[in-house]
Amino acid sequence: MKSFENVYNNSKNVAINEQQKAATADKARLIAAIKHEYGVKDFNSVSEAEKASYKAMLNEMWNASTGLNEKGLAFINESAAVLTEKSTDEQIEKFYKKEVKANVDVILSCLCSGKESKVLIDIKHKVDEGTKKKLSNKFAKQWAYDILAKELGNRLKSVKF
């Protein structure tokens, strides 16, 4: 007859192994999602700065002991980008433009009514907080202009006179 301690230790080891397998599977899913989202075929072919950025992003969304966290799940399920201190300029621009596109109706509504768009300020603060560095107002305005001008042009094309 097996002792309680042996059964307990075996059960505990099985549970730990299953948890580690799940965490490893989560990491693989997350790496695949990062590659897909950023168009990376092989991490060996990117620059050292990009490697560091992707590694920091992975560490922000995944932990070896617990697996995916909320940011990781949001990234996989909703393509919710994550910014880190090592995010590249391209990643910051992509994040900013994606956030502006998601809120284009609110932003245009505010601008058309002559109000200041709090959404644009909030997006800029998200970038500042995520990267721990200040986003240039010049870039923020230019990127917002690129998105909003295109969207406004598309909407004007659909107007029937």
C-alpha atoms as a PDB file:
ATOM      1  CA  MET A   1       0.000   0.000   0.000  1.00  0.00           C
ATOM      2  CA  LYS A   2       1.300   3.424  -0.935  1.00  0.00           C
ATOM      3  CA  SER A   3       1.772   5.966   1.766  1.00  0.00           C
ATOM      4  CA  PHE A   4      -0.218   9.161   1.738  1.00  0.00           C
ATOM      5  CA  GLU A   5       2.988  11.156   1.316  1.00  0.00           C
ATOM      6  CA  ASN A   6       3.962   9.252  -1.845  1.00  0.00           C
ATOM      7  CA  VAL A   7       0.523   9.645  -3.389  1.00  0.00           C
ATOM      8  CA  TYR A   8       0.449  13.325  -2.476  1.00  0.00           C
ATOM      9  CA  ASN A   9       3.927  13.993  -3.922  1.00  0.00           C
ATOM     10  CA  ASN A  10       3.090  12.124  -7.140  1.00  0.00           C
ATOM     11  CA  SER A  11      -0.144  14.062  -7.504  1.00  0.00           C
ATOM     12  CA  LYS A  12       1.647  17.331  -6.797  1.00  0.00           C
ATOM     13  CA  ASN A  13       4.337  16.556  -9.390  1.00  0.00           C
ATOM     14  CA  VAL A  14       1.715  15.702 -12.012  1.00  0.00           C
ATOM     15  CA  ALA A  15      -0.078  18.997 -11.323  1.00  0.00           C
ATOM     16  CA  ILE A  16       3.165  20.970 -11.537  1.00  0.00           C
ATOM     17  CA  ASN A  17       4.093  19.275 -14.826  1.00  0.00           C
ATOM     18  CA  GLU A  18       0.667  20.022 -16.300  1.00  0.00           C
ATOM     19  CA  GLN A  19       0.939  23.647 -15.225  1.00  0.00           C
ATOM     20  CA  GLN A  20       4.391  23.922 -16.819  1.00  0.00           C
ATOM     21  CA  LYS A  21       3.100  22.345 -20.049  1.00  0.00           C
ATOM     22  CA  ALA A  22       0.232  24.852 -20.128  1.00  0.00           C
ATOM     23  CA  ALA A  23       2.608  27.773 -19.503  1.00  0.00           C
ATOM     24  CA  THR A  24       4.915  26.556 -22.280  1.00  0.00           C
ATOM     25  CA  ALA A  25       1.965  26.201 -24.652  1.00  0.00           C
ATOM     26  CA  ASP A  26       0.836  29.737 -23.729  1.00  0.00           C
ATOM     27  CA  LYS A  27       4.322  31.034 -24.487  1.00  0.00           C
ATOM     28  CA  ALA A  28       4.299  29.342 -27.892  1.00  0.00           C
ATOM     29  CA  ARG A  29       0.872  30.844 -28.690  1.00  0.00           C
ATOM     30  CA  LEU A  30       2.074  34.268 -27.598  1.00  0.00           C
ATOM     31  CA  ILE A  31       5.251  34.052 -29.684  1.00  0.00           C
ATOM     32  CA  ALA A  32       3.198  33.026 -32.715  1.00  0.00           C
ATOM     33  CA  ALA A  33       0.823  35.964 -32.118  1.00  0.00           C
ATOM     34  CA  ILE A  34       3.747  38.417 -31.824  1.00  0.00           C
ATOM     35  CA  LYS A  35       5.264  37.090 -35.047  1.00  0.00           C
ATOM     36  CA  HIS A  36       1.924  37.390 -36.825  1.00  0.00           C
ATOM     37  CA  GLU A  37       1.083  40.855 -35.476  1.00  0.00           C
ATOM     38  CA  TYR A  38       4.471  42.355 -36.296  1.00  0.00           C
ATOM     39  CA  GLY A  39       5.206  40.364 -39.455  1.00  0.00           C
ATOM     40  CA  VAL A  40       8.306  38.660 -38.088  1.00  0.00           C
ATOM     41  CA  LYS A  41       9.257  35.403 -39.780  1.00  0.00           C
ATOM     42  CA  ASP A  42      12.280  34.639 -37.607  1.00  0.00           C
ATOM     43  CA  PHE A  43      13.564  36.489 -34.549  1.00  0.00           C
ATOM     44  CA  ASN A  44      17.133  35.793 -35.656  1.00  0.00           C
ATOM     45  CA  SER A  45      16.633  38.037 -38.676  1.00  0.00           C
ATOM     46  CA  VAL A  46      15.650  41.169 -36.718  1.00  0.00           C
ATOM     47  CA  SER A  47      17.963  43.761 -35.191  1.00  0.00           C
ATOM     48  CA  GLU A  48      19.176  43.541 -31.599  1.00  0.00           C
ATOM     49  CA  ALA A  49      16.916  46.463 -30.604  1.00  0.00           C
ATOM     50  CA  GLU A  50      13.890  44.674 -32.017  1.00  0.00           C
ATOM     51  CA  LYS A  51      14.886  41.419 -30.305  1.00  0.00           C
ATOM     52  CA  ALA A  52      15.111  43.239 -26.982  1.00  0.00           C
ATOM     53  CA  SER A  53      11.764  44.883 -27.641  1.00  0.00           C
ATOM     54  CA  TYR A  54      10.007  41.613 -28.452  1.00  0.00           C
ATOM     55  CA  LYS A  55      11.594  39.940 -25.424  1.00  0.00           C
ATOM     56  CA  ALA A  56      10.418  42.758 -23.151  1.00  0.00           C
ATOM     57  CA  MET A  57       6.960  42.491 -24.716  1.00  0.00           C
ATOM     58  CA  LEU A  58       6.894  38.741 -24.103  1.00  0.00           C
ATOM     59  CA  ASN A  59       7.966  39.208 -20.479  1.00  0.00           C
ATOM     60  CA  GLU A  60       5.255  41.836 -20.025  1.00  0.00           C
ATOM     61  CA  MET A  61       2.551  39.382 -21.138  1.00  0.00           C
ATOM     62  CA  TRP A  62       3.818  35.991 -19.932  1.00  0.00           C
ATOM     63  CA  ASN A  63       5.338  34.509 -16.779  1.00  0.00           C
ATOM     64  CA  ALA A  64       6.996  31.091 -16.505  1.00  0.00           C
ATOM     65  CA  SER A  65       5.131  30.158 -13.346  1.00  0.00           C
ATOM     66  CA  THR A  66       1.654  31.471 -14.168  1.00  0.00           C
ATOM     67  CA  GLY A  67       1.606  31.554 -17.965  1.00  0.00           C
ATOM     68  CA  LEU A  68      -0.331  34.302 -19.736  1.00  0.00           C
ATOM     69  CA  ASN A  69      -1.484  37.340 -17.799  1.00  0.00           C
ATOM     70  CA  GLU A  70      -4.333  39.716 -18.707  1.00  0.00           C
ATOM     71  CA  LYS A  71      -2.191  41.679 -21.159  1.00  0.00           C
ATOM     72  CA  GLY A  72      -1.155  38.458 -22.879  1.00  0.00           C
ATOM     73  CA  LEU A  73      -4.718  37.234 -23.196  1.00  0.00           C
ATOM     74  CA  ALA A  74      -5.823  40.610 -24.571  1.00  0.00           C
ATOM     75  CA  PHE A  75      -2.964  40.535 -27.069  1.00  0.00           C
ATOM     76  CA  ILE A  76      -3.842  37.052 -28.303  1.00  0.00           C
ATOM     77  CA  ASN A  77      -7.620  37.483 -28.329  1.00  0.00           C
ATOM     78  CA  GLU A  78      -7.978  41.133 -29.316  1.00  0.00           C
ATOM     79  CA  SER A  79      -4.581  42.048 -30.806  1.00  0.00           C
ATOM     80  CA  ALA A  80      -4.265  44.608 -27.996  1.00  0.00           C
ATOM     81  CA  ALA A  81      -0.705  45.847 -28.391  1.00  0.00           C
ATOM     82  CA  VAL A  82       1.570  46.175 -25.406  1.00  0.00           C
ATOM     83  CA  LEU A  83       4.195  48.869 -25.059  1.00  0.00           C
ATOM     84  CA  THR A  84       7.340  48.499 -22.999  1.00  0.00           C
ATOM     85  CA  GLU A  85      10.366  50.653 -22.291  1.00  0.00           C
ATOM     86  CA  LYS A  86      12.140  48.849 -25.127  1.00  0.00           C
ATOM     87  CA  SER A  87       9.383  49.322 -27.720  1.00  0.00           C
ATOM     88  CA  THR A  88      10.756  50.424 -31.073  1.00  0.00           C
ATOM     89  CA  ASP A  89       9.615  53.590 -32.826  1.00  0.00           C
ATOM     90  CA  GLU A  90       7.671  51.478 -35.334  1.00  0.00           C
ATOM     91  CA  GLN A  91       5.861  49.634 -32.535  1.00  0.00           C
ATOM     92  CA  ILE A  92       4.980  52.918 -30.845  1.00  0.00           C
ATOM     93  CA  GLU A  93       3.669  54.376 -34.098  1.00  0.00           C
ATOM     94  CA  LYS A  94       1.625  51.241 -34.834  1.00  0.00           C
ATOM     95  CA  PHE A  95       0.133  51.288 -31.325  1.00  0.00           C
ATOM     96  CA  TYR A  96      -0.732  54.994 -31.537  1.00  0.00           C
ATOM     97  CA  LYS A  97      -2.326  54.740 -34.978  1.00  0.00           C
ATOM     98  CA  LYS A  98      -4.302  51.643 -33.990  1.00  0.00           C
ATOM     99  CA  GLU A  99      -5.693  53.442 -30.939  1.00  0.00           C
ATOM    100  CA  VAL A 100      -6.613  56.506 -33.024  1.00  0.00           C
ATOM    101  CA  LYS A 101      -8.365  54.305 -35.619  1.00  0.00           C
ATOM    102  CA  ALA A 102     -10.349  52.586 -32.878  1.00  0.00           C
ATOM    103  CA  ASN A 103     -11.587  55.956 -31.599  1.00  0.00           C
ATOM    104  CA  VAL A 104     -11.886  57.878 -34.864  1.00  0.00           C
ATOM    105  CA  ASP A 105     -15.623  58.612 -34.499  1.00  0.00           C
ATOM    106  CA  VAL A 106     -15.229  60.160 -31.057  1.00  0.00           C
ATOM    107  CA  ILE A 107     -12.180  62.175 -32.104  1.00  0.00           C
ATOM    108  CA  LEU A 108     -13.828  63.560 -35.252  1.00  0.00           C
ATOM    109  CA  SER A 109     -16.977  64.382 -33.307  1.00  0.00           C
ATOM    110  CA  CYS A 110     -14.981  66.394 -30.765  1.00  0.00           C
ATOM    111  CA  LEU A 111     -12.947  68.178 -33.416  1.00  0.00           C
ATOM    112  CA  CYS A 112     -16.016  69.038 -35.510  1.00  0.00           C
ATOM    113  CA  SER A 113     -17.798  70.509 -32.491  1.00  0.00           C
ATOM    114  CA  GLY A 114     -14.752  72.627 -31.622  1.00  0.00           C
ATOM    115  CA  LYS A 115     -13.926  70.697 -28.454  1.00  0.00           C
ATOM    116  CA  GLU A 116     -10.542  69.399 -27.446  1.00  0.00           C
ATOM    117  CA  SER A 117     -10.277  65.668 -27.989  1.00  0.00           C
ATOM    118  CA  LYS A 118      -9.578  64.054 -24.627  1.00  0.00           C
ATOM    119  CA  VAL A 119      -9.167  60.718 -26.436  1.00  0.00           C
ATOM    120  CA  LEU A 120      -6.039  61.889 -28.275  1.00  0.00           C
ATOM    121  CA  ILE A 121      -4.556  63.106 -24.998  1.00  0.00           C
ATOM    122  CA  ASP A 122      -5.376  59.777 -23.331  1.00  0.00           C
ATOM    123  CA  ILE A 123      -3.753  57.801 -26.160  1.00  0.00           C
ATOM    124  CA  LYS A 124      -0.603  59.911 -25.900  1.00  0.00           C
ATOM    125  CA  HIS A 125      -0.525  59.310 -22.123  1.00  0.00           C
ATOM    126  CA  LYS A 126      -0.873  55.541 -22.703  1.00  0.00           C
ATOM    127  CA  VAL A 127       2.184  55.675 -24.940  1.00  0.00           C
ATOM    128  CA  ASP A 128       4.118  57.807 -22.434  1.00  0.00           C
ATOM    129  CA  GLU A 129       3.275  55.458 -19.553  1.00  0.00           C
ATOM    130  CA  GLY A 130       3.908  52.267 -21.519  1.00  0.00           C
ATOM    131  CA  THR A 131       7.293  53.321 -22.866  1.00  0.00           C
ATOM    132  CA  LYS A 132       8.406  55.436 -19.889  1.00  0.00           C
ATOM    133  CA  LYS A 133       9.451  58.158 -22.330  1.00  0.00           C
ATOM    134  CA  LYS A 134       7.643  61.194 -23.666  1.00  0.00           C
ATOM    135  CA  LEU A 135       6.117  60.933 -27.133  1.00  0.00           C
ATOM    136  CA  SER A 136       6.856  63.984 -29.227  1.00  0.00           C
ATOM    137  CA  ASN A 137       3.809  66.208 -29.769  1.00  0.00           C
ATOM    138  CA  LYS A 138       4.949  66.629 -33.376  1.00  0.00           C
ATOM    139  CA  PHE A 139       4.782  62.882 -34.042  1.00  0.00           C
ATOM    140  CA  ALA A 140       1.520  62.447 -32.132  1.00  0.00           C
ATOM    141  CA  LYS A 141      -0.163  65.193 -34.139  1.00  0.00           C
ATOM    142  CA  GLN A 142       1.248  63.963 -37.456  1.00  0.00           C
ATOM    143  CA  TRP A 143       0.160  60.369 -36.859  1.00  0.00           C
ATOM    144  CA  ALA A 144      -3.314  61.490 -35.758  1.00  0.00           C
ATOM    145  CA  TYR A 145      -3.548  63.751 -38.812  1.00  0.00           C
ATOM    146  CA  ASP A 146      -2.595  60.871 -41.125  1.00  0.00           C
ATOM    147  CA  ILE A 147      -5.404  58.696 -39.769  1.00  0.00           C
ATOM    148  CA  LEU A 148      -8.063  61.390 -39.365  1.00  0.00           C
ATOM    149  CA  ALA A 149      -7.462  63.059 -42.745  1.00  0.00           C
ATOM    150  CA  LYS A 150      -7.770  59.727 -44.523  1.00  0.00           C
ATOM    151  CA  GLU A 151     -10.935  58.830 -42.611  1.00  0.00           C
ATOM    152  CA  LEU A 152     -12.502  62.237 -43.196  1.00  0.00           C
ATOM    153  CA  GLY A 153     -11.629  62.011 -46.908  1.00  0.00           C
ATOM    154  CA  ASN A 154     -13.290  58.589 -47.138  1.00  0.00           C
ATOM    155  CA  ARG A 155     -16.413  59.905 -45.444  1.00  0.00           C
ATOM    156  CA  LEU A 156     -16.599  62.947 -47.713  1.00  0.00           C
ATOM    157  CA  LYS A 157     -16.367  60.704 -50.784  1.00  0.00           C
ATOM    158  CA  SER A 158     -19.530  58.930 -49.688  1.00  0.00           C
ATOM    159  CA  VAL A 159     -21.560  62.163 -49.402  1.00  0.00           C
ATOM    160  CA  LYS A 160     -24.144  62.471 -52.177  1.00  0.00           C
ATOM    161  CA  PHE A 161     -24.903  65.985 -53.396  1.00  0.00           C
END
